């Protein structure tokens, strides 16, 4: 490193140590250094950490997921110099640097550089967040403030403009997303309509004509056509991917705003019967999604409200499969809330509607929930028998027309419910063996399901008094809290930890408590 550069680094290192002693995060320190050093964000964060280029290069090569990274110092300096000189880093490289610097990938690129990436690369940059690695970062788990979820009033067709600060953030984000002035104005309008900045992750996947079509529908400019409904259906499907990746806090504002928009479209008198049915199914899907997100944030009142509105849409459509599915979800929520009578009521309703649907895939999904309810209240093995039937139905139901809301359903995701049933039956060894088998088959994207499965395994291990293995399993599950906003996951981690109360003095439990505190999970 040149002498002047090293002198600057040493000065920044001393200042950073002093600021860290005042409990400033690395993000805050980088912001302070930006006042004095007109350099790229990548270099600012290296200064904030007080690292040499060689140290960062070594850390990068160690963290490469493929184990084949060969980053050299010269190329790293090129990355730091971009866009004034050098070379632009790939989105995957930015994601690795975000982990090294304990920040978000978005903070490591300027608006100009961010705008130069493609759609998928921007998705990766938006989703990469490693701030949990910063010991001074405070993570908060809370339900977002979503217009229209309190009281009895529905959202207005056009969501009111957010607070000035949030509006400025959205303007800045839209400016980085779209260079053309007219298209930027349209994108800004649509983002406001669909919940603000989080909606940009969806809207960037639409072509300009599709955005114009969506805006025209929202403005009541002309009749709704099949192409408009196509766009709404695609956006709804993409919301589930957002939920799997990052959880309900990012998804819920968008889903609620989109649900209000569809509700407004349904009130028009210009819809053909076929288009109205399709639009009503979109409304059902968004009621399903918002109910799930509220449940995941442990907002049970609004979850039940949205599920109830979805049931009303299902009755209007006359579709037993849709009714069965929401009753099943309400039964599952009642189990989690320890309301067995309510769970039984919804489970029996779900089972009846599923049988009337004649759809094997919906029956498989419903019977898996019924199995949990039976295992929660009875110990005669009926729950496990019901679950075996659900797995067989799921395994043999892929030949006919499928239901869109069951896109996620696979035999392995049905079979994972066996762990809950086995624990309730007191068969802890079988439950642990089942977890090992399911974890080996679980796809990496199913964050919430995998972590909940690990917590169930930890419960079985605690029952067997295998404390070191139980604490290791809880610790592994808790790591998913970092990138996922599920309040239910945090609560489940705390519940499972509470079962270790008799072993509080155990070294493994004390070490677990320390790691949970670092993740901002109170014990």
Protein backbone atom coordinates (compact mmCIF):
# COMPACT_ATOMS: atom_id res chain seq x y z
CA UNK A 1 0.00 0.00 0.00
CA UNK A 2 1.36 3.50 -0.84
CA UNK A 3 2.58 5.52 2.14
CA UNK A 4 -0.17 8.15 1.97
CA UNK A 5 -2.87 5.48 1.73
CA UNK A 6 -1.46 3.61 4.70
CA UNK A 7 -1.32 6.81 6.75
CA UNK A 8 -5.00 7.45 5.99
CA UNK A 9 -5.87 3.88 6.95
CA UNK A 10 -4.05 4.15 10.29
CA UNK A 11 -5.85 7.40 11.08
CA UNK A 12 -9.22 5.86 10.21
CA UNK A 13 -8.41 2.79 12.28
CA UNK A 14 -7.77 4.93 15.38
CA UNK A 15 -10.95 6.94 14.86
CA UNK A 16 -12.97 3.78 14.22
CA UNK A 17 -11.76 2.19 17.47
CA UNK A 18 -12.79 5.32 19.38
CA UNK A 19 -16.20 5.41 17.70
CA UNK A 20 -16.74 1.70 18.28
CA UNK A 21 -16.06 2.30 21.96
CA UNK A 22 -19.05 4.69 21.82
CA UNK A 23 -21.11 1.78 20.39
CA UNK A 24 -21.45 3.19 16.87
CA UNK A 25 -22.17 0.65 14.15
CA UNK A 26 -19.92 0.24 11.13
CA UNK A 27 -22.66 1.83 9.02
CA UNK A 28 -22.57 4.92 11.23
CA UNK A 29 -18.77 5.05 11.19
CA UNK A 30 -18.71 4.83 7.40
CA UNK A 31 -21.17 7.72 7.32
CA UNK A 32 -18.84 9.79 9.52
CA UNK A 33 -15.82 8.98 7.35
CA UNK A 34 -17.76 9.96 4.21
CA UNK A 35 -17.62 13.58 5.43
CA UNK A 36 -13.82 13.61 5.13
CA UNK A 37 -13.03 11.06 2.42
CA UNK A 38 -14.53 11.35 -1.07
CA UNK A 39 -14.03 7.70 -2.00
CA UNK A 40 -16.25 4.79 -2.99
CA UNK A 41 -18.46 3.02 -0.39
CA UNK A 42 -16.27 -0.08 -0.63
CA UNK A 43 -13.23 1.91 0.48
CA UNK A 44 -15.18 3.79 3.17
CA UNK A 45 -16.21 0.50 4.77
CA UNK A 46 -12.65 -0.81 4.62
CA UNK A 47 -11.56 2.34 6.44
CA UNK A 48 -14.37 1.86 8.97
CA UNK A 49 -13.04 -1.63 9.72
CA UNK A 50 -9.41 -0.49 9.67
CA UNK A 51 -8.39 -3.30 7.32
CA UNK A 52 -5.69 -3.40 4.69
CA UNK A 53 -6.54 -4.49 1.16
CA UNK A 54 -4.61 -7.72 1.72
CA UNK A 55 -6.71 -8.57 4.77
CA UNK A 56 -9.95 -7.99 2.88
CA UNK A 57 -8.78 -10.06 -0.09
CA UNK A 58 -7.87 -12.96 2.22
CA UNK A 59 -11.26 -12.77 3.96
CA UNK A 60 -13.04 -12.65 0.59
CA UNK A 61 -11.29 -15.75 -0.70
CA UNK A 62 -12.11 -17.60 2.53
CA UNK A 63 -15.81 -16.71 2.24
CA UNK A 64 -16.38 -17.60 -1.38
CA UNK A 65 -19.25 -20.17 -1.29
CA UNK A 66 -17.72 -22.22 -4.12
CA UNK A 67 -14.30 -22.26 -2.46
CA UNK A 68 -12.67 -21.22 -5.73
CA UNK A 69 -12.22 -17.46 -5.29
CA UNK A 70 -8.92 -16.07 -6.55
CA UNK A 71 -9.38 -12.37 -5.88
CA UNK A 72 -6.11 -10.43 -6.02
CA UNK A 73 -5.24 -7.08 -4.49
CA UNK A 74 -4.97 -5.38 -7.89
CA UNK A 75 -8.50 -6.42 -8.85
CA UNK A 76 -9.76 -5.38 -5.40
CA UNK A 77 -8.33 -1.89 -5.90
CA UNK A 78 -10.14 -1.81 -9.26
CA UNK A 79 -13.40 -2.53 -7.44
CA UNK A 80 -12.76 0.23 -4.92
CA UNK A 81 -12.00 2.76 -7.66
CA UNK A 82 -15.19 2.12 -9.63
CA UNK A 83 -16.97 4.01 -11.23
CA UNK A 84 -14.30 6.75 -11.63
CA UNK A 85 -11.78 4.10 -12.73
CA UNK A 86 -11.09 0.41 -12.40
CA UNK A 87 -13.76 -2.25 -12.81
CA UNK A 88 -17.27 -2.81 -11.50
CA UNK A 89 -17.60 -5.71 -9.01
CA UNK A 90 -20.21 -8.34 -9.76
CA UNK A 91 -23.31 -8.53 -7.56
CA UNK A 92 -22.08 -11.79 -6.01
CA UNK A 93 -18.80 -10.10 -5.07
CA UNK A 94 -20.69 -7.18 -3.49
CA UNK A 95 -22.71 -9.68 -1.43
CA UNK A 96 -19.48 -11.24 -0.09
CA UNK A 97 -18.03 -7.83 0.74
CA UNK A 98 -21.26 -7.04 2.64
CA UNK A 99 -20.58 -10.03 4.88
CA UNK A 100 -16.97 -8.98 5.44
CA UNK A 101 -18.02 -5.43 6.31
CA UNK A 102 -21.09 -6.51 8.34
CA UNK A 103 -23.53 -4.35 6.40
CA UNK A 104 -26.04 -4.51 3.55
CA UNK A 105 -24.89 -4.94 -0.03
CA UNK A 106 -26.92 -1.89 -1.03
CA UNK A 107 -24.72 0.35 1.13
CA UNK A 108 -21.62 -0.77 -0.76
CA UNK A 109 -22.70 0.62 -4.14
CA UNK A 110 -23.63 4.14 -5.16
CA UNK A 111 -26.93 4.85 -6.90
CA UNK A 112 -25.07 5.16 -10.19
CA UNK A 113 -23.44 1.75 -9.81
CA UNK A 114 -26.65 0.15 -8.53
CA UNK A 115 -28.54 1.35 -11.61
CA UNK A 116 -26.01 -0.35 -13.88
CA UNK A 117 -26.86 -3.86 -12.62
CA UNK A 118 -29.50 -6.10 -14.17
CA UNK A 119 -32.80 -7.07 -12.53
CA UNK A 120 -31.58 -10.27 -10.85
CA UNK A 121 -28.38 -8.64 -9.63
CA UNK A 122 -30.37 -5.82 -8.05
CA UNK A 123 -32.57 -8.40 -6.35
CA UNK A 124 -29.46 -10.03 -4.85
CA UNK A 125 -28.06 -6.68 -3.72
CA UNK A 126 -31.38 -5.68 -2.15
CA UNK A 127 -31.70 -8.96 -0.25
CA UNK A 128 -28.16 -9.22 1.15
CA UNK A 129 -28.04 -7.98 4.74
CA UNK A 130 -25.31 -8.95 7.22
CA UNK A 131 -25.78 -6.20 9.78
CA UNK A 132 -26.49 -8.83 12.42
CA UNK A 133 -22.75 -9.60 12.46
CA UNK A 134 -22.13 -6.12 13.86
CA UNK A 135 -22.28 -6.47 17.65
CA UNK A 136 -23.59 -2.90 17.97
CA UNK A 137 -26.45 -3.36 15.52
CA UNK A 138 -29.84 -3.55 17.25
CA UNK A 139 -32.28 -5.80 15.47
CA UNK A 140 -35.97 -5.17 16.13
CA UNK A 141 -38.72 -7.66 15.40
CA UNK A 142 -42.08 -5.95 15.11
CA UNK A 143 -45.06 -5.79 12.82
CA UNK A 144 -44.83 -2.94 10.32
CA UNK A 145 -47.33 -0.15 10.36
CA UNK A 146 -49.62 -1.08 7.50
CA UNK A 147 -52.40 1.30 6.45
CA UNK A 148 -55.84 -0.25 6.50
CA UNK A 149 -55.25 -3.09 8.97
CA UNK A 150 -56.83 -1.43 11.99
CA UNK A 151 -60.50 -0.69 12.49
CA UNK A 152 -63.05 -1.46 9.81
CA UNK A 153 -62.05 0.80 6.93
CA UNK A 154 -60.34 -0.72 3.91
CA UNK A 155 -57.37 0.88 2.16
CA UNK A 156 -58.20 3.67 -0.24
CA UNK A 157 -57.61 2.90 -3.94
CA UNK A 158 -54.51 5.07 -3.99
CA UNK A 159 -52.37 4.73 -0.87
CA UNK A 160 -51.75 8.18 0.68
CA UNK A 161 -48.26 9.58 0.23
CA UNK A 162 -45.88 8.44 2.98
CA UNK A 163 -44.04 10.75 5.35
CA UNK A 164 -41.61 13.17 3.66
CA UNK A 165 -38.53 11.20 4.77
CA UNK A 166 -39.92 7.94 3.37
CA UNK A 167 -41.03 9.72 0.21
CA UNK A 168 -37.49 11.05 -0.25
CA UNK A 169 -36.11 7.54 0.19
CA UNK A 170 -38.51 6.28 -2.45
CA UNK A 171 -37.57 9.06 -4.87
CA UNK A 172 -33.91 8.22 -4.41
CA UNK A 173 -34.56 4.51 -4.94
CA UNK A 174 -36.67 5.15 -8.04
CA UNK A 175 -33.95 7.41 -9.45
CA UNK A 176 -31.45 4.56 -9.15
CA UNK A 177 -33.94 2.11 -10.64
CA UNK A 178 -35.04 4.03 -13.73
CA UNK A 179 -33.11 6.56 -15.83
CA UNK A 180 -35.90 7.72 -18.15
CA UNK A 181 -37.80 10.65 -16.57
CA UNK A 182 -41.29 9.66 -17.75
CA UNK A 183 -40.84 6.01 -16.81
CA UNK A 184 -39.43 7.15 -13.46
CA UNK A 185 -42.59 9.13 -12.73
CA UNK A 186 -44.74 6.12 -13.57
CA UNK A 187 -42.60 3.83 -11.40
CA UNK A 188 -42.85 6.29 -8.51
CA UNK A 189 -46.65 6.39 -8.83
CA UNK A 190 -46.90 2.59 -8.89
CA UNK A 191 -44.53 2.19 -5.96
CA UNK A 192 -46.68 4.58 -3.90
CA UNK A 193 -49.75 2.62 -4.91
CA UNK A 194 -48.19 -0.71 -3.92
CA UNK A 195 -46.73 0.10 -0.54
CA UNK A 196 -43.58 2.17 -1.14
CA UNK A 197 -39.94 1.20 -1.63
CA UNK A 198 -40.42 -2.58 -1.01
CA UNK A 199 -42.66 -2.67 -4.11
CA UNK A 200 -39.72 -1.81 -6.38
CA UNK A 201 -38.46 -5.37 -6.09
CA UNK A 202 -41.66 -6.52 -7.78
CA UNK A 203 -42.13 -3.71 -10.26
CA UNK A 204 -38.66 -4.06 -11.75
CA UNK A 205 -39.77 -7.41 -13.18
CA UNK A 206 -42.49 -5.73 -15.26
CA UNK A 207 -41.91 -4.32 -18.73
CA UNK A 208 -42.75 -0.61 -19.32
CA UNK A 209 -46.01 -1.52 -21.15
CA UNK A 210 -47.04 -3.74 -18.23
CA UNK A 211 -46.39 -0.92 -15.78
CA UNK A 212 -48.50 1.42 -17.90
CA UNK A 213 -51.29 -1.16 -18.01
CA UNK A 214 -51.22 -1.52 -14.23
CA UNK A 215 -51.26 2.25 -13.69
CA UNK A 216 -54.16 2.68 -16.12
CA UNK A 217 -56.17 0.10 -14.18
CA UNK A 218 -55.45 1.87 -10.88
CA UNK A 219 -56.49 5.23 -12.35
CA UNK A 220 -59.77 3.73 -13.64
CA UNK A 221 -58.72 4.55 -17.19
CA UNK A 222 -60.58 2.04 -19.32
CA UNK A 223 -61.89 -1.48 -18.67
CA UNK A 224 -59.91 -4.28 -17.04
CA UNK A 225 -58.70 -6.83 -19.56
CA UNK A 226 -57.13 -10.28 -19.33
CA UNK A 227 -53.59 -8.91 -19.73
CA UNK A 228 -54.05 -6.69 -16.66
CA UNK A 229 -55.20 -9.66 -14.61
CA UNK A 230 -52.17 -11.60 -15.89
CA UNK A 231 -49.89 -8.92 -14.44
CA UNK A 232 -51.70 -8.99 -11.09
CA UNK A 233 -51.45 -12.78 -10.92
CA UNK A 234 -47.72 -12.74 -11.68
CA UNK A 235 -47.00 -10.09 -9.05
CA UNK A 236 -48.93 -12.08 -6.45
CA UNK A 237 -46.91 -15.21 -7.19
CA UNK A 238 -43.66 -13.24 -6.81
CA UNK A 239 -44.74 -12.03 -3.36
CA UNK A 240 -44.50 -15.57 -2.03
CA UNK A 241 -40.88 -15.71 -3.17
CA UNK A 242 -40.19 -12.48 -1.28
CA UNK A 243 -41.77 -13.97 1.84
CA UNK A 244 -39.67 -17.14 1.63
CA UNK A 245 -36.49 -15.09 1.25
CA UNK A 246 -36.93 -12.33 3.81
CA UNK A 247 -40.18 -12.70 5.72
CA UNK A 248 -43.40 -10.74 6.25
CA UNK A 249 -42.13 -7.27 7.12
CA UNK A 250 -41.04 -6.57 3.57
CA UNK A 251 -43.99 -8.33 1.96
CA UNK A 252 -46.95 -7.20 4.06
CA UNK A 253 -47.11 -3.50 3.07
CA UNK A 254 -47.00 -4.47 -0.61
CA UNK A 255 -49.54 -7.29 -0.25
CA UNK A 256 -51.97 -5.11 1.73
CA UNK A 257 -51.76 -2.27 -0.79
CA UNK A 258 -52.17 -4.65 -3.72
CA UNK A 259 -55.13 -6.32 -2.02
CA UNK A 260 -56.81 -2.91 -1.64
CA UNK A 261 -56.20 -2.18 -5.31
CA UNK A 262 -57.80 -5.49 -6.37
CA UNK A 263 -60.71 -4.87 -4.01
CA UNK A 264 -61.26 -1.54 -5.75
CA UNK A 265 -61.12 -3.17 -9.20
CA UNK A 266 -63.73 -5.73 -8.14
CA UNK A 267 -66.19 -2.97 -7.34
CA UNK A 268 -66.36 -1.86 -10.95
CA UNK A 269 -69.31 -2.82 -13.07
CA UNK A 270 -67.39 -3.29 -16.32
CA UNK A 271 -65.95 -6.74 -15.60
CA UNK A 272 -66.97 -9.78 -17.60
CA UNK A 273 -67.94 -12.83 -15.48
CA UNK A 274 -64.73 -14.66 -16.45
CA UNK A 275 -62.50 -11.70 -15.56
CA UNK A 276 -64.36 -11.10 -12.31
CA UNK A 277 -63.77 -14.72 -11.29
CA UNK A 278 -60.05 -14.44 -12.05
CA UNK A 279 -59.81 -11.15 -10.18
CA UNK A 280 -61.70 -12.59 -7.23
CA UNK A 281 -59.19 -15.43 -7.09
CA UNK A 282 -56.39 -12.84 -6.98
CA UNK A 283 -58.24 -11.18 -4.08
CA UNK A 284 -58.50 -14.57 -2.34
CA UNK A 285 -54.77 -15.15 -2.87
CA UNK A 286 -53.88 -11.77 -1.37
CA UNK A 287 -56.20 -12.36 1.60
CA UNK A 288 -54.42 -15.68 2.04
CA UNK A 289 -51.02 -13.98 1.85
CA UNK A 290 -51.80 -11.06 4.15
CA UNK A 291 -53.38 -13.43 6.66
CA UNK A 292 -50.23 -15.55 6.62
CA UNK A 293 -47.97 -12.51 7.03
CA UNK A 294 -50.00 -11.16 9.97
CA UNK A 295 -49.86 -14.62 11.56
CA UNK A 296 -46.10 -14.77 11.03
CA UNK A 297 -45.86 -11.41 12.80
CA UNK A 298 -48.07 -12.83 15.60
CA UNK A 299 -50.80 -10.31 14.82
CA UNK A 300 -53.54 -12.91 15.30
CA UNK A 301 -56.49 -10.50 15.17
CA UNK A 302 -55.68 -9.20 11.70
CA UNK A 303 -54.60 -12.65 10.53
CA UNK A 304 -58.03 -14.04 11.43
CA UNK A 305 -59.68 -11.02 9.80
CA UNK A 306 -57.85 -11.50 6.49
CA UNK A 307 -58.44 -15.26 6.52
CA UNK A 308 -62.14 -14.58 7.17
CA UNK A 309 -62.32 -12.21 4.22
CA UNK A 310 -60.62 -14.86 2.12
CA UNK A 311 -63.27 -17.38 3.20
CA UNK A 312 -65.97 -14.95 2.05
CA UNK A 313 -64.26 -14.76 -1.37
CA UNK A 314 -64.02 -18.56 -1.47
CA UNK A 315 -67.75 -18.87 -0.79
CA UNK A 316 -68.52 -16.37 -3.55
CA UNK A 317 -66.38 -18.43 -5.94
CA UNK A 318 -68.00 -21.64 -4.71
CA UNK A 319 -64.61 -23.34 -4.53
CA UNK A 320 -64.31 -25.98 -1.76
CA UNK A 321 -60.52 -26.22 -2.19
CA UNK A 322 -60.02 -22.56 -1.32
CA UNK A 323 -62.29 -22.88 1.71
CA UNK A 324 -60.48 -26.01 2.88
CA UNK A 325 -57.12 -24.33 2.60
CA UNK A 326 -57.97 -21.29 4.72
CA UNK A 327 -59.76 -23.34 7.38
CA UNK A 328 -56.60 -25.49 7.54
CA UNK A 329 -54.42 -22.43 8.04
CA UNK A 330 -56.74 -21.16 10.78
CA UNK A 331 -56.51 -24.56 12.48
CA UNK A 332 -52.72 -24.42 12.35
CA UNK A 333 -52.75 -20.91 13.82
CA UNK A 334 -55.01 -22.12 16.64
CA UNK A 335 -52.54 -24.93 17.45
CA UNK A 336 -49.73 -22.39 17.72
CA UNK A 337 -51.88 -20.20 19.98
CA UNK A 338 -52.68 -23.26 22.16
CA UNK A 339 -56.40 -23.14 21.40
CA UNK A 340 -57.20 -26.84 20.80
CA UNK A 341 -61.00 -26.47 20.61
CA UNK A 342 -60.75 -23.78 17.95
CA UNK A 343 -58.19 -25.89 16.11
CA UNK A 344 -60.55 -28.88 16.07
CA UNK A 345 -63.43 -26.78 14.73
CA UNK A 346 -61.41 -25.43 11.82
CA UNK A 347 -59.78 -28.82 11.16
CA UNK A 348 -63.13 -30.58 10.80
CA UNK A 349 -64.41 -27.79 8.53
CA UNK A 350 -61.23 -28.02 6.43
CA UNK A 351 -61.50 -31.80 6.14
CA UNK A 352 -65.11 -31.59 4.96
CA UNK A 353 -64.38 -28.96 2.32
CA UNK A 354 -61.27 -30.84 1.15
CA UNK A 355 -63.28 -34.01 0.57
CA UNK A 356 -65.89 -32.01 -1.37
CA UNK A 357 -63.17 -30.46 -3.54
CA UNK A 358 -62.25 -33.79 -5.11
CA UNK A 359 -58.68 -32.48 -5.50
CA UNK A 360 -56.05 -34.87 -4.14
CA UNK A 361 -53.42 -32.17 -3.71
CA UNK A 362 -55.72 -30.00 -1.59
CA UNK A 363 -56.71 -33.05 0.43
CA UNK A 364 -53.02 -33.79 1.07
CA UNK A 365 -52.39 -30.24 2.32
CA UNK A 366 -55.50 -30.27 4.50
CA UNK A 367 -55.02 -33.74 5.95
CA UNK A 368 -51.49 -32.80 7.05
CA UNK A 369 -53.00 -30.03 9.21
CA UNK A 370 -55.74 -32.36 10.48
CA UNK A 371 -52.99 -34.80 11.46
CA UNK A 372 -51.33 -32.12 13.60
CA UNK A 373 -54.62 -31.27 15.28
CA UNK A 374 -55.37 -34.94 16.04
CA UNK A 375 -51.86 -35.51 17.41
CA UNK A 376 -52.20 -32.40 19.55
CA UNK A 377 -55.35 -33.72 21.26
CA UNK A 378 -55.08 -37.53 21.03
CA UNK A 379 -52.34 -40.09 21.59
CA UNK A 380 -53.80 -43.05 19.69
CA UNK A 381 -51.68 -42.67 16.55
CA UNK A 382 -54.60 -41.45 14.42
CA UNK A 383 -52.65 -38.31 13.55
CA UNK A 384 -49.75 -40.30 12.11
CA UNK A 385 -52.14 -42.47 10.10
CA UNK A 386 -53.80 -39.37 8.68
CA UNK A 387 -50.38 -37.96 7.80
CA UNK A 388 -49.37 -41.13 5.96
CA UNK A 389 -52.49 -40.74 3.86
CA UNK A 390 -51.63 -37.10 3.13
CA UNK A 391 -48.15 -38.06 1.93
CA UNK A 392 -49.58 -40.71 -0.40
CA UNK A 393 -52.06 -38.22 -1.84
CA UNK A 394 -49.33 -35.61 -2.40
CA UNK A 395 -47.08 -38.17 -4.05
CA UNK A 396 -49.70 -39.24 -6.57
CA UNK A 397 -51.51 -36.00 -7.37
CA UNK A 398 -49.22 -34.35 -9.91
CA UNK A 399 -50.91 -35.61 -13.05
CA UNK A 400 -54.00 -33.38 -13.12
CA UNK A 401 -54.61 -29.66 -12.96
CA UNK A 402 -53.03 -28.14 -9.88
CA UNK A 403 -54.11 -25.31 -7.61
CA UNK A 404 -51.93 -22.20 -7.72
CA UNK A 405 -51.88 -21.71 -3.96
CA UNK A 406 -50.29 -25.17 -3.55
CA UNK A 407 -47.26 -24.44 -5.74
CA UNK A 408 -45.02 -25.17 -2.73
CA UNK A 409 -46.48 -28.56 -1.90
CA UNK A 410 -44.24 -31.61 -2.19
CA UNK A 411 -44.43 -34.96 -0.40
CA UNK A 412 -41.38 -34.05 1.72
CA UNK A 413 -42.98 -30.83 2.92
CA UNK A 414 -46.05 -32.81 3.96
CA UNK A 415 -43.96 -35.52 5.63
CA UNK A 416 -42.13 -32.98 7.81
CA UNK A 417 -45.31 -32.70 9.93
CA UNK A 418 -44.50 -36.21 11.19
CA UNK A 419 -41.96 -34.67 13.57
CA UNK A 420 -44.68 -32.72 15.42
CA UNK A 421 -46.91 -35.81 15.52
CA UNK A 422 -44.12 -38.09 16.79
CA UNK A 423 -43.15 -35.67 19.55
CA UNK A 424 -46.77 -35.44 20.70
CA UNK A 425 -46.86 -39.27 20.71
CA UNK A 426 -43.69 -39.40 22.85
CA UNK A 427 -41.66 -41.13 20.12
CA UNK A 428 -38.60 -38.89 20.44
CA UNK A 429 -36.02 -41.15 18.76
CA UNK A 430 -38.22 -41.50 15.68
CA UNK A 431 -38.80 -37.75 15.67
CA UNK A 432 -35.06 -37.04 15.67
CA UNK A 433 -34.43 -39.56 12.90
CA UNK A 434 -37.26 -37.98 10.89
CA UNK A 435 -35.71 -34.52 11.29
CA UNK A 436 -32.36 -35.73 9.98
CA UNK A 437 -34.07 -37.25 6.96
CA UNK A 438 -36.16 -34.12 6.26
CA UNK A 439 -33.28 -31.67 6.71
CA UNK A 440 -31.26 -33.58 4.14
CA UNK A 441 -34.06 -33.05 1.61
CA UNK A 442 -35.09 -29.50 2.53
CA UNK A 443 -34.28 -26.90 -0.10
CA UNK A 444 -32.12 -23.98 1.01
CA UNK A 445 -34.80 -21.40 0.17
CA UNK A 446 -37.32 -22.70 2.71
CA UNK A 447 -35.87 -20.72 5.60
CA UNK A 448 -38.82 -20.64 7.97
CA UNK A 449 -39.81 -24.28 7.52
CA UNK A 450 -36.27 -25.51 8.06
CA UNK A 451 -35.72 -23.50 11.23
CA UNK A 452 -39.07 -24.58 12.72
CA UNK A 453 -38.15 -28.18 11.97
CA UNK A 454 -34.85 -27.74 13.82
CA UNK A 455 -36.64 -26.29 16.83
CA UNK A 456 -38.97 -29.29 16.92
CA UNK A 457 -35.89 -31.51 16.86
CA UNK A 458 -34.41 -29.51 19.74
CA UNK A 459 -37.60 -30.15 21.72
CA UNK A 460 -37.22 -33.90 21.19
CA UNK A 461 -33.57 -33.73 22.24
CA UNK A 462 -34.50 -31.83 25.42
CA UNK A 463 -37.07 -34.52 26.23
CA UNK A 464 -34.23 -37.05 25.97
CA UNK A 465 -32.02 -34.74 28.10
CA UNK A 466 -29.42 -34.50 25.34
CA UNK A 467 -28.58 -30.91 26.24
CA UNK A 468 -25.42 -30.26 24.13
CA UNK A 469 -27.16 -31.49 20.97
CA UNK A 470 -30.32 -29.53 21.81
CA UNK A 471 -28.46 -26.25 22.33
CA UNK A 472 -26.57 -26.75 19.07
CA UNK A 473 -29.85 -27.30 17.21
CA UNK A 474 -31.45 -24.19 18.75
CA UNK A 475 -28.36 -22.16 17.88
CA UNK A 476 -28.49 -23.33 14.26
CA UNK A 477 -32.20 -22.52 13.96
CA UNK A 478 -31.69 -19.08 15.54
CA UNK A 479 -29.25 -18.09 12.82
CA UNK A 480 -32.17 -17.90 10.39
CA UNK A 481 -33.61 -15.07 12.49
CA UNK A 482 -30.94 -12.86 10.98
CA UNK A 483 -32.26 -12.56 7.44
CA UNK A 484 -35.93 -13.32 8.11
CA UNK A 485 -38.45 -11.02 9.78
CA UNK A 486 -40.72 -13.73 11.22
CA UNK A 487 -41.72 -12.75 14.77
CA UNK A 488 -43.11 -16.27 15.15
CA UNK A 489 -39.67 -17.71 14.54
CA UNK A 490 -38.14 -15.52 17.26
CA UNK A 491 -40.93 -16.51 19.64
CA UNK A 492 -40.43 -20.20 18.85
CA UNK A 493 -36.69 -19.91 19.54
CA UNK A 494 -37.47 -18.36 22.93
CA UNK A 495 -40.09 -21.00 23.70
CA UNK A 496 -37.69 -23.82 22.91
CA UNK A 497 -34.94 -22.19 24.97
CA UNK A 498 -37.38 -21.91 27.89
CA UNK A 499 -37.59 -25.71 27.96
CA UNK A 500 -33.92 -25.71 29.01
CA UNK A 501 -34.76 -23.92 32.27
CA UNK A 502 -33.79 -26.90 34.50
CA UNK A 503 -30.30 -26.87 32.93
CA UNK A 504 -29.63 -23.11 33.15
CA UNK A 505 -26.26 -23.64 34.89
CA UNK A 506 -25.06 -25.96 32.11
CA UNK A 507 -22.15 -24.50 30.13
CA UNK A 508 -23.79 -25.31 26.82
CA UNK A 509 -26.95 -23.44 27.84
CA UNK A 510 -24.97 -20.43 29.05
CA UNK A 511 -23.05 -20.32 25.77
CA UNK A 512 -26.33 -20.56 23.84
CA UNK A 513 -27.77 -17.64 25.83
CA UNK A 514 -24.76 -15.51 24.93
CA UNK A 515 -25.13 -16.30 21.23
CA UNK A 516 -28.86 -15.53 21.37
CA UNK A 517 -28.12 -12.18 22.98
CA UNK A 518 -25.77 -11.36 20.10
CA UNK A 519 -28.70 -12.04 17.76
CA UNK A 520 -30.87 -9.67 19.84
CA UNK A 521 -33.08 -12.55 20.99
CA UNK A 522 -33.97 -12.00 24.68
CA UNK A 523 -33.91 -15.10 26.87
